[in-house]
């Protein structure tokens, strides 16, 4: 992976030992600028004072958890960066938690205990394969579809889908 020395990461976790482990992993990957916060509220305050490129946030914290932190980053009128890549960490990867994080606008999901490879894979994903953002009445965040299904002929709901379908139709040659 190219040098990560230029990026600044916000690490938000209420467990100081987990922050130390995650910070050590980030620093071993060459990330020199890591700012830490003990809960979502403190993390939001850090975003106001630091030019953060990526946030790694724990799911369960008190008083402001990672899901609410993500919702506020994505939707608050005074958000420092609603497009900020957010990687959610949790020790509980049940479907409900994954869906809640996804629906809040999390970019990637990471299950504890973390490994250096898993952390770096998620960072590489948000940097080199960013997903476009989608804004609907009830959601703002990265497109939840990671890939376009080839040959999908179901209902299209987005303008880009209609344009893609029209281009596909224009390229069909009939004999």
C-alpha atoms as a PDB file:
ATOM      1  CA  UNK A   1       0.000   0.000   0.000  1.00  0.00           C
ATOM      2  CA  UNK A   2       1.366   3.445  -0.821  1.00  0.00           C
ATOM      3  CA  UNK A   3       2.469   5.628   2.040  1.00  0.00           C
ATOM      4  CA  UNK A   4      -0.263   6.499   4.513  1.00  0.00           C
ATOM      5  CA  UNK A   5       1.868   9.025   6.372  1.00  0.00           C
ATOM      6  CA  UNK A   6      -0.125  11.963   5.010  1.00  0.00           C
ATOM      7  CA  UNK A   7      -3.552  10.899   6.256  1.00  0.00           C
ATOM      8  CA  UNK A   8      -5.010  11.759   9.642  1.00  0.00           C
ATOM      9  CA  UNK A   9      -7.243   9.220  11.385  1.00  0.00           C
ATOM     10  CA  UNK A  10      -9.757   9.844  14.133  1.00  0.00           C
ATOM     11  CA  UNK A  11      -9.987   6.826  16.442  1.00  0.00           C
ATOM     12  CA  UNK A  12     -13.093   6.775  18.662  1.00  0.00           C
ATOM     13  CA  UNK A  13     -13.471   4.036  21.274  1.00  0.00           C
ATOM     14  CA  UNK A  14     -14.444   4.160  24.943  1.00  0.00           C
ATOM     15  CA  UNK A  15     -11.924   1.428  25.769  1.00  0.00           C
ATOM     16  CA  UNK A  16      -8.463   2.955  26.198  1.00  0.00           C
ATOM     17  CA  UNK A  17      -6.765  -0.419  25.634  1.00  0.00           C
ATOM     18  CA  UNK A  18      -8.601  -0.896  22.311  1.00  0.00           C
ATOM     19  CA  UNK A  19      -7.538   2.609  21.252  1.00  0.00           C
ATOM     20  CA  UNK A  20      -3.929   1.731  22.089  1.00  0.00           C
ATOM     21  CA  UNK A  21      -4.094  -1.482  20.036  1.00  0.00           C
ATOM     22  CA  UNK A  22      -5.775   0.172  17.050  1.00  0.00           C
ATOM     23  CA  UNK A  23      -3.396   3.143  17.226  1.00  0.00           C
ATOM     24  CA  UNK A  24      -0.394   0.780  17.242  1.00  0.00           C
ATOM     25  CA  UNK A  25      -1.776  -1.022  14.165  1.00  0.00           C
ATOM     26  CA  UNK A  26      -2.297   2.298  12.363  1.00  0.00           C
ATOM     27  CA  UNK A  27       1.163   3.565  13.250  1.00  0.00           C
ATOM     28  CA  UNK A  28       2.771   0.292  12.154  1.00  0.00           C
ATOM     29  CA  UNK A  29       1.117   0.845   8.753  1.00  0.00           C
ATOM     30  CA  UNK A  30       2.803   4.232   8.482  1.00  0.00           C
ATOM     31  CA  UNK A  31      -0.067   6.446   9.656  1.00  0.00           C
ATOM     32  CA  UNK A  32       1.584   9.121  11.771  1.00  0.00           C
ATOM     33  CA  UNK A  33      -1.403  11.322  12.602  1.00  0.00           C
ATOM     34  CA  UNK A  34      -3.886   9.588  14.890  1.00  0.00           C
ATOM     35  CA  UNK A  35      -6.203  11.614  17.100  1.00  0.00           C
ATOM     36  CA  UNK A  36      -8.213   9.786  19.731  1.00  0.00           C
ATOM     37  CA  UNK A  37     -11.567  10.287  21.425  1.00  0.00           C
ATOM     38  CA  UNK A  38     -13.257   8.319  24.215  1.00  0.00           C
ATOM     39  CA  UNK A  39     -16.856   8.613  22.924  1.00  0.00           C
ATOM     40  CA  UNK A  40     -18.887   9.844  19.983  1.00  0.00           C
ATOM     41  CA  UNK A  41     -19.462  13.312  21.433  1.00  0.00           C
ATOM     42  CA  UNK A  42     -15.753  13.850  21.957  1.00  0.00           C
ATOM     43  CA  UNK A  43     -15.181  12.467  18.448  1.00  0.00           C
ATOM     44  CA  UNK A  44     -17.549  15.048  16.940  1.00  0.00           C
ATOM     45  CA  UNK A  45     -15.663  17.777  18.787  1.00  0.00           C
ATOM     46  CA  UNK A  46     -12.349  16.451  17.408  1.00  0.00           C
ATOM     47  CA  UNK A  47     -13.767  16.662  13.885  1.00  0.00           C
ATOM     48  CA  UNK A  48     -14.325  20.392  14.411  1.00  0.00           C
ATOM     49  CA  UNK A  49     -10.667  20.963  15.284  1.00  0.00           C
ATOM     50  CA  UNK A  50      -8.766  18.451  13.138  1.00  0.00           C
ATOM     51  CA  UNK A  51      -8.700  17.884   9.375  1.00  0.00           C
ATOM     52  CA  UNK A  52      -9.483  14.180   9.604  1.00  0.00           C
ATOM     53  CA  UNK A  53      -9.364  11.974   6.492  1.00  0.00           C
ATOM     54  CA  UNK A  54     -10.875   8.831   8.032  1.00  0.00           C
ATOM     55  CA  UNK A  55     -12.671   7.843  11.246  1.00  0.00           C
ATOM     56  CA  UNK A  56     -12.542   4.441  12.932  1.00  0.00           C
ATOM     57  CA  UNK A  57     -15.376   4.281  15.450  1.00  0.00           C
ATOM     58  CA  UNK A  58     -16.530   1.726  18.010  1.00  0.00           C
ATOM     59  CA  UNK A  59     -20.171   0.656  17.810  1.00  0.00           C
ATOM     60  CA  UNK A  60     -21.099   0.629  21.498  1.00  0.00           C
ATOM     61  CA  UNK A  61     -20.114   3.668  23.549  1.00  0.00           C
ATOM     62  CA  UNK A  62     -21.781   5.861  26.131  1.00  0.00           C
ATOM     63  CA  UNK A  63     -23.237   8.463  26.017  1.00  0.00           C
ATOM     64  CA  UNK A  64     -22.989   8.763  22.190  1.00  0.00           C
ATOM     65  CA  UNK A  65     -22.464   5.484  20.329  1.00  0.00           C
ATOM     66  CA  UNK A  66     -20.889   4.901  16.917  1.00  0.00           C
ATOM     67  CA  UNK A  67     -24.197   4.643  15.054  1.00  0.00           C
ATOM     68  CA  UNK A  68     -25.404   8.016  16.342  1.00  0.00           C
ATOM     69  CA  UNK A  69     -21.953   9.510  15.727  1.00  0.00           C
ATOM     70  CA  UNK A  70     -22.218   8.355  12.099  1.00  0.00           C
ATOM     71  CA  UNK A  71     -25.745   9.737  11.715  1.00  0.00           C
ATOM     72  CA  UNK A  72     -24.598  13.117  13.034  1.00  0.00           C
ATOM     73  CA  UNK A  73     -21.525  13.199  10.775  1.00  0.00           C
ATOM     74  CA  UNK A  74     -23.691  12.366   7.759  1.00  0.00           C
ATOM     75  CA  UNK A  75     -26.780  14.468   8.483  1.00  0.00           C
ATOM     76  CA  UNK A  76     -26.064  17.296  10.918  1.00  0.00           C
ATOM     77  CA  UNK A  77     -26.212  20.752   9.320  1.00  0.00           C
ATOM     78  CA  UNK A  78     -22.983  21.711  11.107  1.00  0.00           C
ATOM     79  CA  UNK A  79     -21.092  18.508  10.194  1.00  0.00           C
ATOM     80  CA  UNK A  80     -17.418  19.137   9.496  1.00  0.00           C
ATOM     81  CA  UNK A  81     -17.382  16.545   6.678  1.00  0.00           C
ATOM     82  CA  UNK A  82     -20.527  14.535   5.812  1.00  0.00           C
ATOM     83  CA  UNK A  83     -18.508  12.537   3.236  1.00  0.00           C
ATOM     84  CA  UNK A  84     -15.939  11.358   5.791  1.00  0.00           C
ATOM     85  CA  UNK A  85     -15.103   7.654   5.382  1.00  0.00           C
ATOM     86  CA  UNK A  86     -16.196   5.897   8.592  1.00  0.00           C
ATOM     87  CA  UNK A  87     -15.092   2.397   9.572  1.00  0.00           C
ATOM     88  CA  UNK A  88     -17.244   0.884  12.338  1.00  0.00           C
ATOM     89  CA  UNK A  89     -15.621  -1.546  14.822  1.00  0.00           C
ATOM     90  CA  UNK A  90     -17.560  -3.917  17.029  1.00  0.00           C
ATOM     91  CA  UNK A  91     -17.123  -7.096  19.000  1.00  0.00           C
ATOM     92  CA  UNK A  92     -20.678  -8.128  18.097  1.00  0.00           C
ATOM     93  CA  UNK A  93     -21.264  -8.666  14.397  1.00  0.00           C
ATOM     94  CA  UNK A  94     -24.906  -9.736  14.469  1.00  0.00           C
ATOM     95  CA  UNK A  95     -27.026  -8.885  11.463  1.00  0.00           C
ATOM     96  CA  UNK A  96     -28.933  -6.204  13.396  1.00  0.00           C
ATOM     97  CA  UNK A  97     -25.733  -4.316  14.249  1.00  0.00           C
ATOM     98  CA  UNK A  98     -24.388  -4.547  10.721  1.00  0.00           C
ATOM     99  CA  UNK A  99     -27.701  -3.252   9.324  1.00  0.00           C
ATOM    100  CA  UNK A 100     -27.872  -0.421  11.882  1.00  0.00           C
ATOM    101  CA  UNK A 101     -24.333   0.675  11.008  1.00  0.00           C
ATOM    102  CA  UNK A 102     -25.013   0.403   7.273  1.00  0.00           C
ATOM    103  CA  UNK A 103     -28.269   2.333   7.561  1.00  0.00           C
ATOM    104  CA  UNK A 104     -26.538   5.107   9.528  1.00  0.00           C
ATOM    105  CA  UNK A 105     -24.075   5.577   6.658  1.00  0.00           C
ATOM    106  CA  UNK A 106     -20.982   3.636   7.734  1.00  0.00           C
ATOM    107  CA  UNK A 107     -18.490   3.100   4.927  1.00  0.00           C
ATOM    108  CA  UNK A 108     -16.940  -0.187   6.147  1.00  0.00           C
ATOM    109  CA  UNK A 109     -17.427  -2.634   9.015  1.00  0.00           C
ATOM    110  CA  UNK A 110     -14.679  -4.246  11.120  1.00  0.00           C
ATOM    111  CA  UNK A 111     -15.139  -7.040  13.658  1.00  0.00           C
ATOM    112  CA  UNK A 112     -13.097  -7.244  16.862  1.00  0.00           C
ATOM    113  CA  UNK A 113     -10.678  -8.655  17.701  1.00  0.00           C
ATOM    114  CA  UNK A 114      -9.106  -6.601  14.940  1.00  0.00           C
ATOM    115  CA  UNK A 115      -6.107  -7.712  12.938  1.00  0.00           C
ATOM    116  CA  UNK A 116      -3.635  -5.501  11.132  1.00  0.00           C
ATOM    117  CA  UNK A 117      -4.676  -7.083   7.819  1.00  0.00           C
ATOM    118  CA  UNK A 118      -8.385  -6.423   8.408  1.00  0.00           C
ATOM    119  CA  UNK A 119      -7.755  -2.788   9.393  1.00  0.00           C
ATOM    120  CA  UNK A 120      -5.513  -2.170   6.393  1.00  0.00           C
ATOM    121  CA  UNK A 121      -7.948  -3.914   4.029  1.00  0.00           C
ATOM    122  CA  UNK A 122     -10.756  -1.574   5.169  1.00  0.00           C
ATOM    123  CA  UNK A 123      -8.536   1.494   4.880  1.00  0.00           C
ATOM    124  CA  UNK A 124      -7.419   0.427   1.415  1.00  0.00           C
ATOM    125  CA  UNK A 125     -11.049  -0.098   0.436  1.00  0.00           C
ATOM    126  CA  UNK A 126     -12.192   3.380   1.486  1.00  0.00           C
ATOM    127  CA  UNK A 127      -9.194   5.045  -0.187  1.00  0.00           C
ATOM    128  CA  UNK A 128      -8.868   3.078  -3.438  1.00  0.00           C
ATOM    129  CA  UNK A 129     -12.445   1.907  -3.990  1.00  0.00           C
ATOM    130  CA  UNK A 130     -14.644   4.707  -2.681  1.00  0.00           C
ATOM    131  CA  UNK A 131     -18.351   4.235  -3.262  1.00  0.00           C
ATOM    132  CA  UNK A 132     -20.466   7.118  -4.516  1.00  0.00           C
ATOM    133  CA  UNK A 133     -22.739   8.760  -1.967  1.00  0.00           C
ATOM    134  CA  UNK A 134     -26.519   8.475  -2.178  1.00  0.00           C
ATOM    135  CA  UNK A 135     -29.043  10.940  -0.775  1.00  0.00           C
ATOM    136  CA  UNK A 136     -32.665   9.888  -0.361  1.00  0.00           C
ATOM    137  CA  UNK A 137     -35.408  11.023   1.982  1.00  0.00           C
ATOM    138  CA  UNK A 138     -34.289   8.599   4.681  1.00  0.00           C
ATOM    139  CA  UNK A 139     -30.608   7.967   3.951  1.00  0.00           C
ATOM    140  CA  UNK A 140     -27.377   9.776   3.210  1.00  0.00           C
ATOM    141  CA  UNK A 141     -24.164   7.836   2.901  1.00  0.00           C
ATOM    142  CA  UNK A 142     -22.150   5.520   0.707  1.00  0.00           C
ATOM    143  CA  UNK A 143     -24.087   3.535  -1.885  1.00  0.00           C
ATOM    144  CA  UNK A 144     -24.988   0.265  -0.180  1.00  0.00           C
ATOM    145  CA  UNK A 145     -24.602  -1.623  -3.455  1.00  0.00           C
ATOM    146  CA  UNK A 146     -20.960  -2.571  -3.719  1.00  0.00           C
ATOM    147  CA  UNK A 147     -21.179  -3.896  -7.268  1.00  0.00           C
ATOM    148  CA  UNK A 148     -23.633  -3.679 -10.110  1.00  0.00           C
ATOM    149  CA  UNK A 149     -25.136  -7.102 -10.737  1.00  0.00           C
ATOM    150  CA  UNK A 150     -24.503  -7.980 -14.384  1.00  0.00           C
ATOM    151  CA  UNK A 151     -27.684  -8.825 -16.216  1.00  0.00           C
ATOM    152  CA  UNK A 152     -29.957  -7.441 -13.497  1.00  0.00           C
ATOM    153  CA  UNK A 153     -33.319  -6.584 -15.064  1.00  0.00           C
ATOM    154  CA  UNK A 154     -35.314  -5.648 -11.973  1.00  0.00           C
ATOM    155  CA  UNK A 155     -36.750  -2.255 -11.069  1.00  0.00           C
ATOM    156  CA  UNK A 156     -34.355   0.654 -11.442  1.00  0.00           C
ATOM    157  CA  UNK A 157     -34.836   3.488  -8.958  1.00  0.00           C
ATOM    158  CA  UNK A 158     -31.913   5.810  -9.560  1.00  0.00           C
ATOM    159  CA  UNK A 159     -31.192   8.152 -12.456  1.00  0.00           C
ATOM    160  CA  UNK A 160     -27.820   6.516 -13.028  1.00  0.00           C
ATOM    161  CA  UNK A 161     -29.579   3.143 -13.404  1.00  0.00           C
ATOM    162  CA  UNK A 162     -31.922   4.525 -16.070  1.00  0.00           C
ATOM    163  CA  UNK A 163     -28.973   6.051 -17.953  1.00  0.00           C
ATOM    164  CA  UNK A 164     -27.085   2.749 -17.762  1.00  0.00           C
ATOM    165  CA  UNK A 165     -30.129   0.831 -19.002  1.00  0.00           C
ATOM    166  CA  UNK A 166     -30.587   3.261 -21.900  1.00  0.00           C
ATOM    167  CA  UNK A 167     -26.919   2.871 -22.871  1.00  0.00           C
ATOM    168  CA  UNK A 168     -27.246  -0.927 -22.718  1.00  0.00           C
ATOM    169  CA  UNK A 169     -30.356  -0.810 -24.903  1.00  0.00           C
ATOM    170  CA  UNK A 170     -28.622   1.465 -27.440  1.00  0.00           C
ATOM    171  CA  UNK A 171     -25.787  -1.055 -27.746  1.00  0.00           C
ATOM    172  CA  UNK A 172     -28.075  -3.993 -28.561  1.00  0.00           C
ATOM    173  CA  UNK A 173     -27.921  -5.003 -32.204  1.00  0.00           C
ATOM    174  CA  UNK A 174     -30.946  -6.799 -33.620  1.00  0.00           C
ATOM    175  CA  UNK A 175     -30.726  -9.043 -36.664  1.00  0.00           C
END
